Amino acid sequence: MAWEGIRANMLRVHATITLPEEAQDTDAHSTEDLCLAAGKTRGAKILSGIALIEGRNAALSDRCLTSFDSFTHRGRVSYRSCDEESCRCVIDFDISDDFNAAHQAE
């Protein structure tokens, strides 16, 4: 669980979600949905940052974020640890086709 970022064809992100008070009895399916939503937000920020840090231009950053929208449905919670108030999650996204295409379009 230690790394976050891009490795091979996967984007891995870490997210911590706070469970609402009324959701003390939240089931596993609901916490997975919350983790995926938080992971999508974090993943978009990471991809945008990577595109800009690599010395690319803002257009590439926009293409990365656009491609991110197309592969977020392929997100998978690979780790989740919850207590009464929060969950720590690791979410993996398969970026093999979309992210590589964004880089090649430049």
Protein backbone atom coordinates (compact mmCIF):
# COMPACT_ATOMS: atom_id res chain seq x y z
CA MET A 1 0.00 0.00 0.00
CA ALA A 2 3.02 2.28 0.23
CA TRP A 3 3.19 3.78 -3.25
CA GLU A 4 0.87 6.18 -5.04
CA GLY A 5 1.08 7.27 -8.67
CA ILE A 6 1.59 5.53 -12.00
CA ARG A 7 3.32 2.18 -12.34
CA ALA A 8 3.13 0.19 -15.57
CA ASN A 9 -0.48 0.60 -16.74
CA MET A 10 -2.00 1.40 -13.38
CA LEU A 11 -2.75 4.59 -11.50
CA ARG A 12 -2.91 3.92 -7.75
CA VAL A 13 -4.34 6.50 -5.37
CA HIS A 14 -4.85 6.63 -1.62
CA ALA A 15 -7.95 8.18 -0.11
CA THR A 16 -9.33 8.62 3.38
CA ILE A 17 -13.03 9.16 3.74
CA THR A 18 -14.92 10.33 6.80
CA LEU A 19 -18.11 8.44 7.37
CA PRO A 20 -21.16 10.59 8.12
CA GLU A 21 -22.53 10.21 11.65
CA GLU A 22 -25.80 8.79 10.35
CA ALA A 23 -23.82 6.18 8.43
CA GLN A 24 -22.42 4.33 11.43
CA ASP A 25 -23.91 1.13 10.03
CA THR A 26 -22.73 1.76 6.46
CA ASP A 27 -22.33 -1.49 4.58
CA ALA A 28 -19.25 -2.53 2.61
CA HIS A 29 -20.84 -1.71 -0.75
CA SER A 30 -21.56 1.88 0.32
CA THR A 31 -18.05 2.46 1.66
CA GLU A 32 -16.63 1.08 -1.59
CA ASP A 33 -18.67 3.63 -3.55
CA LEU A 34 -17.42 6.42 -1.27
CA CYS A 35 -13.84 5.22 -1.71
CA LEU A 36 -14.18 5.12 -5.50
CA ALA A 37 -15.59 8.66 -5.58
CA ALA A 38 -12.74 9.97 -3.42
CA GLY A 39 -10.24 8.05 -5.54
CA LYS A 40 -11.54 9.59 -8.76
CA THR A 41 -11.06 13.08 -7.34
CA ARG A 42 -7.55 12.30 -6.10
CA GLY A 43 -6.63 10.55 -9.35
CA ALA A 44 -7.63 13.55 -11.46
CA LYS A 45 -5.37 15.79 -9.37
CA ILE A 46 -2.45 13.38 -9.61
CA LEU A 47 -2.73 13.01 -13.39
CA SER A 48 -2.96 16.75 -13.89
CA GLY A 49 0.09 17.29 -11.70
CA ILE A 50 2.11 14.59 -13.46
CA ALA A 51 1.34 16.08 -16.86
CA LEU A 52 2.52 19.54 -15.77
CA ILE A 53 5.56 18.33 -13.78
CA GLU A 54 6.84 16.38 -16.76
CA GLY A 55 7.33 19.73 -18.46
CA ARG A 56 4.36 19.26 -20.71
CA ASN A 57 1.97 21.99 -21.60
CA ALA A 58 -1.49 22.71 -20.28
CA ALA A 59 -3.07 21.07 -23.35
CA LEU A 60 -1.58 17.72 -22.34
CA SER A 61 -2.91 18.21 -18.82
CA ASP A 62 -6.39 18.78 -20.28
CA ARG A 63 -6.09 15.62 -22.42
CA CYS A 64 -5.01 13.61 -19.37
CA LEU A 65 -8.03 14.80 -17.41
CA THR A 66 -10.33 14.09 -20.36
CA SER A 67 -8.92 10.57 -20.70
CA PHE A 68 -9.28 10.13 -16.94
CA ASP A 69 -13.04 10.53 -17.33
CA SER A 70 -13.07 7.56 -19.71
CA PHE A 71 -11.26 5.11 -17.43
CA THR A 72 -12.68 6.01 -14.03
CA HIS A 73 -15.32 3.31 -14.48
CA ARG A 74 -12.42 0.81 -14.38
CA GLY A 75 -11.50 1.77 -10.82
CA ARG A 76 -11.18 -0.98 -8.23
CA VAL A 77 -10.78 -0.69 -4.46
CA SER A 78 -7.79 -2.92 -3.75
CA TYR A 79 -7.56 -2.12 -0.04
CA ARG A 80 -10.01 -0.75 2.51
CA SER A 81 -9.68 -0.46 6.27
CA CYS A 82 -12.53 1.13 8.20
CA ASP A 83 -13.17 2.07 11.79
CA GLU A 84 -16.25 3.73 13.27
CA GLU A 85 -15.47 7.15 11.80
CA SER A 86 -13.45 6.72 8.62
CA CYS A 87 -12.04 4.41 5.95
CA ARG A 88 -8.59 4.33 4.40
CA CYS A 89 -8.68 3.10 0.83
CA VAL A 90 -6.37 2.29 -2.05
CA ILE A 91 -7.97 2.55 -5.47
CA ASP A 92 -6.37 1.18 -8.65
CA PHE A 93 -7.29 2.45 -12.12
CA ASP A 94 -6.36 0.65 -15.34
CA ILE A 95 -4.96 3.42 -17.54
CA SER A 96 -3.35 1.26 -20.21
CA ASP A 97 -5.19 2.64 -23.24
CA ASP A 98 -6.43 6.10 -22.36
CA PHE A 99 -3.46 7.68 -20.59
CA ASN A 100 -0.97 6.38 -23.15
CA ALA A 101 -3.15 7.78 -25.95
CA ALA A 102 -3.17 11.19 -24.25
CA HIS A 103 0.64 11.20 -24.19
CA GLN A 104 0.91 10.14 -27.83
CA ALA A 105 -1.50 12.84 -29.00
CA GLU A 106 1.00 15.54 -28.10
